[in-house]
Amino acid sequence: MGEHSSPESIKKAVRTYMFVGAALIVGTGLTVWASFIHFGSNAWNITVALIIASVKSFLVAGYFMHLLSEKKAIYATLATTAFFFVALMGLTLWSMNDFPSFTQVFGGK
């Protein structure tokens, strides 16, 4: 049996999804409304738009894609990504000055 085996848990899950869906609709309306307001500069307008988009993307990823309940898999993927990122940056820094002696680098003499 799955996580939603009883009628009560199914009703609770549906209620959660309906709430998140309503929040996404409100967020979309808020995005459209905020696009007509000038917050002083383009930087502030972009900041407000990114904040609204971040909240909406968290709701979609967390609830509709079920990423809030998949913590172990997400942390493993994040740790693997961080490991390879650090390894690639380390290799880049290690080989930064590793050129053959007859090569001119960046227009050198």
PDB file of N, CA and C in Angstrom:
ATOM      1  N   MET A   1       0.845  -1.179   0.000  1.00  0.00           N
ATOM      2  CA  MET A   1       0.000   0.000   0.000  1.00  0.00           C
ATOM      3  C   MET A   1       0.884   1.234   0.000  1.00  0.00           C
ATOM      4  N   GLY A   2       0.368   2.252  -0.618  1.00  0.00           N
ATOM      5  CA  GLY A   2       1.129   3.486  -0.740  1.00  0.00           C
ATOM      6  C   GLY A   2       0.945   4.386   0.465  1.00  0.00           C
ATOM      7  N   GLU A   3       1.446   5.544   0.329  1.00  0.00           N
ATOM      8  CA  GLU A   3       1.384   6.535   1.396  1.00  0.00           C
ATOM      9  C   GLU A   3      -0.055   6.990   1.627  1.00  0.00           C
ATOM     10  N   HIS A   4      -0.875   7.017   0.582  1.00  0.00           N
ATOM     11  CA  HIS A   4      -2.256   7.484   0.664  1.00  0.00           C
ATOM     12  C   HIS A   4      -3.200   6.285   0.649  1.00  0.00           C
ATOM     13  N   SER A   5      -3.252   5.545   1.739  1.00  0.00           N
ATOM     14  CA  SER A   5      -4.060   4.332   1.742  1.00  0.00           C
ATOM     15  C   SER A   5      -5.459   4.537   2.315  1.00  0.00           C
ATOM     16  N   SER A   6      -5.649   5.564   3.098  1.00  0.00           N
ATOM     17  CA  SER A   6      -6.970   5.767   3.692  1.00  0.00           C
ATOM     18  C   SER A   6      -7.678   6.942   3.007  1.00  0.00           C
ATOM     19  N   PRO A   7      -9.001   6.951   3.053  1.00  0.00           N
ATOM     20  CA  PRO A   7      -9.749   8.064   2.448  1.00  0.00           C
ATOM     21  C   PRO A   7      -9.424   9.417   3.083  1.00  0.00           C
ATOM     22  N   GLU A   8      -9.120   9.405   4.368  1.00  0.00           N
ATOM     23  CA  GLU A   8      -8.785  10.669   5.050  1.00  0.00           C
ATOM     24  C   GLU A   8      -7.476  11.243   4.525  1.00  0.00           C
ATOM     25  N   SER A   9      -6.480  10.372   4.302  1.00  0.00           N
ATOM     26  CA  SER A   9      -5.202  10.875   3.806  1.00  0.00           C
ATOM     27  C   SER A   9      -5.331  11.353   2.357  1.00  0.00           C
ATOM     28  N   ILE A  10      -6.207  10.702   1.576  1.00  0.00           N
ATOM     29  CA  ILE A  10      -6.443  11.152   0.203  1.00  0.00           C
ATOM     30  C   ILE A  10      -7.112  12.518   0.199  1.00  0.00           C
ATOM     31  N   LYS A  11      -8.094  12.715   1.073  1.00  0.00           N
ATOM     32  CA  LYS A  11      -8.765  14.015   1.170  1.00  0.00           C
ATOM     33  C   LYS A  11      -7.787  15.101   1.599  1.00  0.00           C
ATOM     34  N   LYS A  12      -6.900  14.753   2.527  1.00  0.00           N
ATOM     35  CA  LYS A  12      -5.899  15.727   2.980  1.00  0.00           C
ATOM     36  C   LYS A  12      -4.946  16.100   1.837  1.00  0.00           C
ATOM     37  N   ALA A  13      -4.519  15.110   1.062  1.00  0.00           N
ATOM     38  CA  ALA A  13      -3.612  15.372  -0.061  1.00  0.00           C
ATOM     39  C   ALA A  13      -4.298  16.221  -1.120  1.00  0.00           C
ATOM     40  N   VAL A  14      -5.559  15.912  -1.424  1.00  0.00           N
ATOM     41  CA  VAL A  14      -6.296  16.697  -2.419  1.00  0.00           C
ATOM     42  C   VAL A  14      -6.459  18.129  -1.937  1.00  0.00           C
ATOM     43  N   ARG A  15      -6.757  18.302  -0.659  1.00  0.00           N
ATOM     44  CA  ARG A  15      -6.887  19.643  -0.088  1.00  0.00           C
ATOM     45  C   ARG A  15      -5.568  20.412  -0.212  1.00  0.00           C
ATOM     46  N   THR A  16      -4.454  19.733   0.044  1.00  0.00           N
ATOM     47  CA  THR A  16      -3.143  20.376  -0.078  1.00  0.00           C
ATOM     48  C   THR A  16      -2.887  20.805  -1.521  1.00  0.00           C
ATOM     49  N   TYR A  17      -3.184  19.916  -2.474  1.00  0.00           N
ATOM     50  CA  TYR A  17      -2.964  20.244  -3.879  1.00  0.00           C
ATOM     51  C   TYR A  17      -3.877  21.375  -4.344  1.00  0.00           C
ATOM     52  N   MET A  18      -5.091  21.396  -3.851  1.00  0.00           N
ATOM     53  CA  MET A  18      -6.005  22.487  -4.209  1.00  0.00           C
ATOM     54  C   MET A  18      -5.493  23.817  -3.640  1.00  0.00           C
ATOM     55  N   PHE A  19      -4.983  23.791  -2.425  1.00  0.00           N
ATOM     56  CA  PHE A  19      -4.430  25.007  -1.818  1.00  0.00           C
ATOM     57  C   PHE A  19      -3.212  25.495  -2.597  1.00  0.00           C
ATOM     58  N   VAL A  20      -2.325  24.573  -2.953  1.00  0.00           N
ATOM     59  CA  VAL A  20      -1.127  24.952  -3.710  1.00  0.00           C
ATOM     60  C   VAL A  20      -1.521  25.464  -5.093  1.00  0.00           C
ATOM     61  N   GLY A  21      -2.493  24.821  -5.728  1.00  0.00           N
ATOM     62  CA  GLY A  21      -2.967  25.299  -7.030  1.00  0.00           C
ATOM     63  C   GLY A  21      -3.547  26.695  -6.950  1.00  0.00           C
ATOM     64  N   ALA A  22      -4.336  26.949  -5.886  1.00  0.00           N
ATOM     65  CA  ALA A  22      -4.890  28.293  -5.687  1.00  0.00           C
ATOM     66  C   ALA A  22      -3.773  29.304  -5.436  1.00  0.00           C
ATOM     67  N   ALA A  23      -2.755  28.915  -4.682  1.00  0.00           N
ATOM     68  CA  ALA A  23      -1.624  29.812  -4.430  1.00  0.00           C
ATOM     69  C   ALA A  23      -0.880  30.121  -5.721  1.00  0.00           C
ATOM     70  N   LEU A  24      -0.769  29.151  -6.618  1.00  0.00           N
ATOM     71  CA  LEU A  24      -0.115  29.395  -7.907  1.00  0.00           C
ATOM     72  C   LEU A  24      -0.936  30.342  -8.772  1.00  0.00           C
ATOM     73  N   ILE A  25      -2.251  30.209  -8.733  1.00  0.00           N
ATOM     74  CA  ILE A  25      -3.113  31.130  -9.489  1.00  0.00           C
ATOM     75  C   ILE A  25      -2.983  32.542  -8.932  1.00  0.00           C
ATOM     76  N   VAL A  26      -2.988  32.663  -7.604  1.00  0.00           N
ATOM     77  CA  VAL A  26      -2.801  33.981  -6.975  1.00  0.00           C
ATOM     78  C   VAL A  26      -1.424  34.540  -7.315  1.00  0.00           C
ATOM     79  N   GLY A  27      -0.407  33.692  -7.299  1.00  0.00           N
ATOM     80  CA  GLY A  27       0.947  34.133  -7.650  1.00  0.00           C
ATOM     81  C   GLY A  27       1.038  34.621  -9.082  1.00  0.00           C
ATOM     82  N   THR A  28       0.330  33.953  -9.988  1.00  0.00           N
ATOM     83  CA  THR A  28       0.313  34.399 -11.378  1.00  0.00           C
ATOM     84  C   THR A  28      -0.369  35.754 -11.505  1.00  0.00           C
ATOM     85  N   GLY A  29      -1.473  35.912 -10.800  1.00  0.00           N
ATOM     86  CA  GLY A  29      -2.148  37.219 -10.787  1.00  0.00           C
ATOM     87  C   GLY A  29      -1.267  38.298 -10.180  1.00  0.00           C
ATOM     88  N   LEU A  30      -0.558  37.952  -9.124  1.00  0.00           N
ATOM     89  CA  LEU A  30       0.356  38.905  -8.489  1.00  0.00           C
ATOM     90  C   LEU A  30       1.493  39.285  -9.437  1.00  0.00           C
ATOM     91  N   THR A  31       1.970  38.328 -10.221  1.00  0.00           N
ATOM     92  CA  THR A  31       3.017  38.611 -11.203  1.00  0.00           C
ATOM     93  C   THR A  31       2.525  39.600 -12.254  1.00  0.00           C
ATOM     94  N   VAL A  32       1.316  39.365 -12.756  1.00  0.00           N
ATOM     95  CA  VAL A  32       0.753  40.266 -13.767  1.00  0.00           C
ATOM     96  C   VAL A  32       0.528  41.649 -13.160  1.00  0.00           C
ATOM     97  N   TRP A  33      -0.013  41.707 -11.957  1.00  0.00           N
ATOM     98  CA  TRP A  33      -0.250  42.982 -11.283  1.00  0.00           C
ATOM     99  C   TRP A  33       1.068  43.727 -11.060  1.00  0.00           C
ATOM    100  N   ALA A  34       2.106  43.012 -10.615  1.00  0.00           N
ATOM    101  CA  ALA A  34       3.401  43.650 -10.329  1.00  0.00           C
ATOM    102  C   ALA A  34       4.076  44.132 -11.602  1.00  0.00           C
ATOM    103  N   SER A  35       3.737  43.550 -12.752  1.00  0.00           N
ATOM    104  CA  SER A  35       4.377  43.984 -13.991  1.00  0.00           C
ATOM    105  C   SER A  35       3.931  45.385 -14.411  1.00  0.00           C
ATOM    106  N   PHE A  36       2.792  45.843 -13.910  1.00  0.00           N
ATOM    107  CA  PHE A  36       2.302  47.174 -14.241  1.00  0.00           C
ATOM    108  C   PHE A  36       2.778  48.244 -13.259  1.00  0.00           C
ATOM    109  N   ILE A  37       3.463  47.852 -12.211  1.00  0.00           N
ATOM    110  CA  ILE A  37       3.931  48.794 -11.193  1.00  0.00           C
ATOM    111  C   ILE A  37       5.411  49.071 -11.420  1.00  0.00           C
ATOM    112  N   HIS A  38       5.787  50.350 -11.329  1.00  0.00           N
ATOM    113  CA  HIS A  38       7.202  50.721 -11.432  1.00  0.00           C
ATOM    114  C   HIS A  38       7.738  50.895 -10.015  1.00  0.00           C
ATOM    115  N   PHE A  39       8.692  50.059  -9.628  1.00  0.00           N
ATOM    116  CA  PHE A  39       9.239  50.066  -8.273  1.00  0.00           C
ATOM    117  C   PHE A  39      10.449  50.980  -8.115  1.00  0.00           C
ATOM    118  N   GLY A  40      10.680  51.871  -9.057  1.00  0.00           N
ATOM    119  CA  GLY A  40      11.775  52.824  -8.935  1.00  0.00           C
ATOM    120  C   GLY A  40      12.893  52.584  -9.937  1.00  0.00           C
ATOM    121  N   SER A  41      13.189  51.332 -10.214  1.00  0.00           N
ATOM    122  CA  SER A  41      14.222  51.015 -11.200  1.00  0.00           C
ATOM    123  C   SER A  41      13.932  49.627 -11.778  1.00  0.00           C
ATOM    124  N   ASN A  42      14.595  49.348 -12.877  1.00  0.00           N
ATOM    125  CA  ASN A  42      14.431  48.028 -13.474  1.00  0.00           C
ATOM    126  C   ASN A  42      14.938  46.928 -12.556  1.00  0.00           C
ATOM    127  N   ALA A  43      15.974  47.231 -11.771  1.00  0.00           N
ATOM    128  CA  ALA A  43      16.532  46.235 -10.855  1.00  0.00           C
ATOM    129  C   ALA A  43      15.489  45.809  -9.821  1.00  0.00           C
ATOM    130  N   TRP A  44      14.732  46.757  -9.304  1.00  0.00           N
ATOM    131  CA  TRP A  44      13.693  46.419  -8.312  1.00  0.00           C
ATOM    132  C   TRP A  44      12.551  45.646  -8.961  1.00  0.00           C
ATOM    133  N   ASN A  45      12.184  46.028 -10.171  1.00  0.00           N
ATOM    134  CA  ASN A  45      11.131  45.287 -10.876  1.00  0.00           C
ATOM    135  C   ASN A  45      11.559  43.833 -11.111  1.00  0.00           C
ATOM    136  N   ILE A  46      12.799  43.634 -11.515  1.00  0.00           N
ATOM    137  CA  ILE A  46      13.312  42.285 -11.740  1.00  0.00           C
ATOM    138  C   ILE A  46      13.392  41.520 -10.426  1.00  0.00           C
ATOM    139  N   THR A  47      13.804  42.186  -9.357  1.00  0.00           N
ATOM    140  CA  THR A  47      13.891  41.540  -8.045  1.00  0.00           C
ATOM    141  C   THR A  47      12.527  41.050  -7.586  1.00  0.00           C
ATOM    142  N   VAL A  48      11.505  41.888  -7.721  1.00  0.00           N
ATOM    143  CA  VAL A  48      10.149  41.497  -7.320  1.00  0.00           C
ATOM    144  C   VAL A  48       9.662  40.324  -8.171  1.00  0.00           C
ATOM    145  N   ALA A  49       9.909  40.381  -9.463  1.00  0.00           N
ATOM    146  CA  ALA A  49       9.488  39.294 -10.350  1.00  0.00           C
ATOM    147  C   ALA A  49      10.196  37.989  -9.996  1.00  0.00           C
ATOM    148  N   LEU A  50      11.484  38.055  -9.674  1.00  0.00           N
ATOM    149  CA  LEU A  50      12.224  36.846  -9.311  1.00  0.00           C
ATOM    150  C   LEU A  50      11.778  36.275  -7.974  1.00  0.00           C
ATOM    151  N   ILE A  51      11.413  37.129  -7.037  1.00  0.00           N
ATOM    152  CA  ILE A  51      10.914  36.644  -5.746  1.00  0.00           C
ATOM    153  C   ILE A  51       9.596  35.896  -5.941  1.00  0.00           C
ATOM    154  N   ILE A  52       8.693  36.471  -6.709  1.00  0.00           N
ATOM    155  CA  ILE A  52       7.415  35.805  -6.975  1.00  0.00           C
ATOM    156  C   ILE A  52       7.646  34.493  -7.724  1.00  0.00           C
ATOM    157  N   ALA A  53       8.514  34.504  -8.715  1.00  0.00           N
ATOM    158  CA  ALA A  53       8.802  33.290  -9.485  1.00  0.00           C
ATOM    159  C   ALA A  53       9.459  32.220  -8.614  1.00  0.00           C
ATOM    160  N   SER A  54      10.292  32.629  -7.678  1.00  0.00           N
ATOM    161  CA  SER A  54      10.944  31.664  -6.783  1.00  0.00           C
ATOM    162  C   SER A  54       9.927  30.967  -5.889  1.00  0.00           C
ATOM    163  N   VAL A  55       8.993  31.724  -5.355  1.00  0.00           N
ATOM    164  CA  VAL A  55       7.956  31.133  -4.504  1.00  0.00           C
ATOM    165  C   VAL A  55       7.108  30.161  -5.320  1.00  0.00           C
ATOM    166  N   LYS A  56       6.730  30.567  -6.524  1.00  0.00           N
ATOM    167  CA  LYS A  56       5.914  29.694  -7.368  1.00  0.00           C
ATOM    168  C   LYS A  56       6.681  28.434  -7.771  1.00  0.00           C
ATOM    169  N   SER A  57       7.955  28.571  -8.092  1.00  0.00           N
ATOM    170  CA  SER A  57       8.727  27.392  -8.482  1.00  0.00           C
ATOM    171  C   SER A  57       8.933  26.448  -7.295  1.00  0.00           C
ATOM    172  N   PHE A  58       9.078  26.999  -6.081  1.00  0.00           N
ATOM    173  CA  PHE A  58       9.165  26.148  -4.900  1.00  0.00           C
ATOM    174  C   PHE A  58       7.879  25.352  -4.705  1.00  0.00           C
ATOM    175  N   LEU A  59       6.736  25.999  -4.896  1.00  0.00           N
ATOM    176  CA  LEU A  59       5.462  25.298  -4.742  1.00  0.00           C
ATOM    177  C   LEU A  59       5.320  24.176  -5.768  1.00  0.00           C
ATOM    178  N   VAL A  60       5.676  24.459  -7.016  1.00  0.00           N
ATOM    179  CA  VAL A  60       5.564  23.430  -8.057  1.00  0.00           C
ATOM    180  C   VAL A  60       6.524  22.283  -7.772  1.00  0.00           C
ATOM    181  N   ALA A  61       7.786  22.602  -7.513  1.00  0.00           N
ATOM    182  CA  ALA A  61       8.779  21.553  -7.289  1.00  0.00           C
ATOM    183  C   ALA A  61       8.513  20.787  -5.994  1.00  0.00           C
ATOM    184  N   GLY A  62       8.154  21.500  -4.962  1.00  0.00           N
ATOM    185  CA  GLY A  62       7.980  20.858  -3.664  1.00  0.00           C
ATOM    186  C   GLY A  62       6.747  19.993  -3.568  1.00  0.00           C
ATOM    187  N   TYR A  63       5.635  20.468  -4.079  1.00  0.00           N
ATOM    188  CA  TYR A  63       4.379  19.745  -3.901  1.00  0.00           C
ATOM    189  C   TYR A  63       3.980  18.933  -5.131  1.00  0.00           C
ATOM    190  N   PHE A  64       3.949  19.544  -6.300  1.00  0.00           N
ATOM    191  CA  PHE A  64       3.494  18.824  -7.482  1.00  0.00           C
ATOM    192  C   PHE A  64       4.518  17.821  -7.977  1.00  0.00           C
ATOM    193  N   MET A  65       5.803  18.099  -7.784  1.00  0.00           N
ATOM    194  CA  MET A  65       6.837  17.151  -8.193  1.00  0.00           C
ATOM    195  C   MET A  65       7.271  16.263  -7.021  1.00  0.00           C
ATOM    196  N   HIS A  66       6.671  16.441  -5.844  1.00  0.00           N
ATOM    197  CA  HIS A  66       6.898  15.620  -4.645  1.00  0.00           C
ATOM    198  C   HIS A  66       8.350  15.643  -4.180  1.00  0.00           C
ATOM    199  N   LEU A  67       9.038  16.762  -4.358  1.00  0.00           N
ATOM    200  CA  LEU A  67      10.444  16.828  -3.958  1.00  0.00           C
ATOM    201  C   LEU A  67      10.610  17.061  -2.460  1.00  0.00           C
ATOM    202  N   LEU A  68       9.580  17.534  -1.781  1.00  0.00           N
ATOM    203  CA  LEU A  68       9.685  17.715  -0.336  1.00  0.00           C
ATOM    204  C   LEU A  68       9.752  16.379   0.395  1.00  0.00           C
ATOM    205  N   SER A  69       9.175  15.347  -0.181  1.00  0.00           N
ATOM    206  CA  SER A  69       9.187  14.039   0.468  1.00  0.00           C
ATOM    207  C   SER A  69      10.347  13.164  -0.002  1.00  0.00           C
ATOM    208  N   GLU A  70      11.166  13.635  -0.901  1.00  0.00           N
ATOM    209  CA  GLU A  70      12.287  12.865  -1.442  1.00  0.00           C
ATOM    210  C   GLU A  70      13.620  13.434  -0.971  1.00  0.00           C
ATOM    211  N   LYS A  71      13.729  13.739   0.294  1.00  0.00           N
ATOM    212  CA  LYS A  71      14.917  14.412   0.813  1.00  0.00           C
ATOM    213  C   LYS A  71      16.207  13.604   0.601  1.00  0.00           C
ATOM    214  N   LYS A  72      16.165  12.301   0.837  1.00  0.00           N
ATOM    215  CA  LYS A  72      17.388  11.505   0.729  1.00  0.00           C
ATOM    216  C   LYS A  72      17.940  11.510  -0.691  1.00  0.00           C
ATOM    217  N   ALA A  73      17.084  11.318  -1.671  1.00  0.00           N
ATOM    218  CA  ALA A  73      17.537  11.304  -3.066  1.00  0.00           C
ATOM    219  C   ALA A  73      18.028  12.679  -3.499  1.00  0.00           C
ATOM    220  N   ILE A  74      17.358  13.718  -3.041  1.00  0.00           N
ATOM    221  CA  ILE A  74      17.759  15.075  -3.428  1.00  0.00           C
ATOM    222  C   ILE A  74      19.102  15.435  -2.812  1.00  0.00           C
ATOM    223  N   TYR A  75      19.311  15.093  -1.540  1.00  0.00           N
ATOM    224  CA  TYR A  75      20.591  15.397  -0.914  1.00  0.00           C
ATOM    225  C   TYR A  75      21.721  14.592  -1.555  1.00  0.00           C
ATOM    226  N   ALA A  76      21.460  13.358  -1.956  1.00  0.00           N
ATOM    227  CA  ALA A  76      22.488  12.567  -2.626  1.00  0.00           C
ATOM    228  C   ALA A  76      22.847  13.181  -3.974  1.00  0.00           C
ATOM    229  N   THR A  77      21.850  13.609  -4.716  1.00  0.00           N
ATOM    230  CA  THR A  77      22.108  14.256  -6.009  1.00  0.00           C
ATOM    231  C   THR A  77      22.845  15.578  -5.818  1.00  0.00           C
ATOM    232  N   LEU A  78      22.449  16.346  -4.826  1.00  0.00           N
ATOM    233  CA  LEU A  78      23.111  17.620  -4.539  1.00  0.00           C
ATOM    234  C   LEU A  78      24.562  17.410  -4.115  1.00  0.00           C
ATOM    235  N   ALA A  79      24.805  16.408  -3.284  1.00  0.00           N
ATOM    236  CA  ALA A  79      26.179  16.129  -2.850  1.00  0.00           C
ATOM    237  C   ALA A  79      27.048  15.687  -4.029  1.00  0.00           C
ATOM    238  N   THR A  80      26.501  14.851  -4.909  1.00  0.00           N
ATOM    239  CA  THR A  80      27.247  14.420  -6.090  1.00  0.00           C
ATOM    240  C   THR A  80      27.568  15.601  -6.995  1.00  0.00           C
ATOM    241  N   THR A  81      26.586  16.474  -7.195  1.00  0.00           N
ATOM    242  CA  THR A  81      26.801  17.666  -8.012  1.00  0.00           C
ATOM    243  C   THR A  81      27.875  18.563  -7.407  1.00  0.00           C
ATOM    244  N   ALA A  82      27.803  18.779  -6.093  1.00  0.00           N
ATOM    245  CA  ALA A  82      28.803  19.622  -5.423  1.00  0.00           C
ATOM    246  C   ALA A  82      30.192  19.009  -5.534  1.00  0.00           C
ATOM    247  N   PHE A  83      30.287  17.694  -5.378  1.00  0.00           N
ATOM    248  CA  PHE A  83      31.586  17.029  -5.491  1.00  0.00           C
ATOM    249  C   PHE A  83      32.199  17.243  -6.870  1.00  0.00           C
ATOM    250  N   PHE A  84      31.413  16.998  -7.918  1.00  0.00           N
ATOM    251  CA  PHE A  84      31.948  17.151  -9.270  1.00  0.00           C
ATOM    252  C   PHE A  84      32.221  18.614  -9.608  1.00  0.00           C
ATOM    253  N   PHE A  85      31.421  19.539  -9.083  1.00  0.00           N
ATOM    254  CA  PHE A  85      31.691  20.951  -9.318  1.00  0.00           C
ATOM    255  C   PHE A  85      33.031  21.352  -8.704  1.00  0.00           C
ATOM    256  N   VAL A  86      33.256  20.957  -7.454  1.00  0.00           N
ATOM    257  CA  VAL A  86      34.520  21.276  -6.790  1.00  0.00           C
ATOM    258  C   VAL A  86      35.688  20.598  -7.514  1.00  0.00           C
ATOM    259  N   ALA A  87      35.492  19.357  -7.951  1.00  0.00           N
ATOM    260  CA  ALA A  87      36.560  18.656  -8.665  1.00  0.00           C
ATOM    261  C   ALA A  87      36.896  19.353  -9.980  1.00  0.00           C
ATOM    262  N   LEU A  88      35.888  19.764 -10.725  1.00  0.00           N
ATOM    263  CA  LEU A  88      36.159  20.446 -11.996  1.00  0.00           C
ATOM    264  C   LEU A  88      36.801  21.808 -11.780  1.00  0.00           C
ATOM    265  N   MET A  89      36.382  22.542 -10.760  1.00  0.00           N
ATOM    266  CA  MET A  89      37.027  23.827 -10.477  1.00  0.00           C
ATOM    267  C   MET A  89      38.470  23.613 -10.032  1.00  0.00           C
ATOM    268  N   GLY A  90      38.706  22.565  -9.250  1.00  0.00           N
ATOM    269  CA  GLY A  90      40.074  22.251  -8.837  1.00  0.00           C
ATOM    270  C   GLY A  90      40.954  21.890 -10.016  1.00  0.00           C
ATOM    271  N   LEU A  91      40.446  21.079 -10.932  1.00  0.00           N
ATOM    272  CA  LEU A  91      41.211  20.736 -12.129  1.00  0.00           C
ATOM    273  C   LEU A  91      41.482  21.971 -12.985  1.00  0.00           C
ATOM    274  N   THR A  92      40.518  22.851 -13.067  1.00  0.00           N
ATOM    275  CA  THR A  92      40.713  24.084 -13.840  1.00  0.00           C
ATOM    276  C   THR A  92      41.806  24.945 -13.230  1.00  0.00           C
ATOM    277  N   LEU A  93      41.767  25.139 -11.924  1.00  0.00           N
ATOM    278  CA  LEU A  93      42.793  25.957 -11.271  1.00  0.00           C
ATOM    279  C   LEU A  93      44.160  25.276 -11.326  1.00  0.00           C
ATOM    280  N   TRP A  94      44.199  23.968 -11.205  1.00  0.00           N
ATOM    281  CA  TRP A  94      45.457  23.235 -11.222  1.00  0.00           C
ATOM    282  C   TRP A  94      46.132  23.332 -12.586  1.00  0.00           C
ATOM    283  N   SER A  95      45.334  23.339 -13.642  1.00  0.00           N
ATOM    284  CA  SER A  95      45.921  23.350 -14.983  1.00  0.00           C
ATOM    285  C   SER A  95      45.962  24.738 -15.616  1.00  0.00           C
ATOM    286  N   MET A  96      45.714  25.763 -14.844  1.00  0.00           N
ATOM    287  CA  MET A  96      45.619  27.111 -15.401  1.00  0.00           C
ATOM    288  C   MET A  96      46.911  27.567 -16.089  1.00  0.00           C
ATOM    289  N   ASN A  97      48.045  27.237 -15.543  1.00  0.00           N
ATOM    290  CA  ASN A  97      49.320  27.671 -16.115  1.00  0.00           C
ATOM    291  C   ASN A  97      50.070  26.515 -16.764  1.00  0.00           C
ATOM    292  N   ASP A  98      49.372  25.468 -17.126  1.00  0.00           N
ATOM    293  CA  ASP A  98      50.001  24.289 -17.702  1.00  0.00           C
ATOM    294  C   ASP A  98      49.909  24.341 -19.226  1.00  0.00           C
ATOM    295  N   PHE A  99      50.839  25.085 -19.832  1.00  0.00           N
ATOM    296  CA  PHE A  99      50.888  25.230 -21.282  1.00  0.00           C
ATOM    297  C   PHE A  99      52.257  24.788 -21.774  1.00  0.00           C
ATOM    298  N   PRO A 100      52.347  24.308 -23.001  1.00  0.00           N
ATOM    299  CA  PRO A 100      53.667  23.990 -23.561  1.00  0.00           C
ATOM    300  C   PRO A 100      54.539  25.249 -23.648  1.00  0.00           C
ATOM    301  N   SER A 101      55.841  25.079 -23.601  1.00  0.00           N
ATOM    302  CA  SER A 101      56.751  26.231 -23.550  1.00  0.00           C
ATOM    303  C   SER A 101      56.740  27.040 -24.836  1.00  0.00           C
ATOM    304  N   PHE A 102      56.353  26.471 -25.960  1.00  0.00           N
ATOM    305  CA  PHE A 102      56.365  27.209 -27.235  1.00  0.00           C
ATOM    306  C   PHE A 102      55.026  27.906 -27.517  1.00  0.00           C
ATOM    307  N   THR A 103      54.088  27.871 -26.599  1.00  0.00           N
ATOM    308  CA  THR A 103      52.759  28.427 -26.829  1.00  0.00           C
ATOM    309  C   THR A 103      52.692  29.851 -26.306  1.00  0.00           C
ATOM    310  N   GLN A 104      52.062  30.738 -27.079  1.00  0.00           N
ATOM    311  CA  GLN A 104      51.810  32.079 -26.628  1.00  0.00           C
ATOM    312  C   GLN A 104      50.409  32.115 -26.019  1.00  0.00           C
ATOM    313  N   VAL A 105      50.333  32.641 -24.811  1.00  0.00           N
ATOM    314  CA  VAL A 105      49.054  32.646 -24.103  1.00  0.00           C
ATOM    315  C   VAL A 105      48.532  34.061 -24.057  1.00  0.00           C
ATOM    316  N   PHE A 106      47.317  34.272 -24.523  1.00  0.00           N
ATOM    317  CA  PHE A 106      46.628  35.551 -24.447  1.00  0.00           C
ATOM    318  C   PHE A 106      47.446  36.694 -25.026  1.00  0.00           C
ATOM    319  N   GLY A 107      48.031  36.498 -26.176  1.00  0.00           N
ATOM    320  CA  GLY A 107      48.758  37.555 -26.861  1.00  0.00           C
ATOM    321  C   GLY A 107      50.084  37.911 -26.212  1.00  0.00           C
ATOM    322  N   GLY A 108      50.657  36.964 -25.474  1.00  0.00           N
ATOM    323  CA  GLY A 108      51.936  37.237 -24.819  1.00  0.00           C
ATOM    324  C   GLY A 108      53.078  37.375 -25.812  1.00  0.00           C
ATOM    325  N   LYS A 109      54.253  37.789 -25.351  1.00  0.00           N
ATOM    326  CA  LYS A 109      55.418  38.024 -26.213  1.00  0.00           C
ATOM    327  C   LYS A 109      56.164  36.771 -26.536  1.00  0.00           C
TER     328      LYS A 109
END
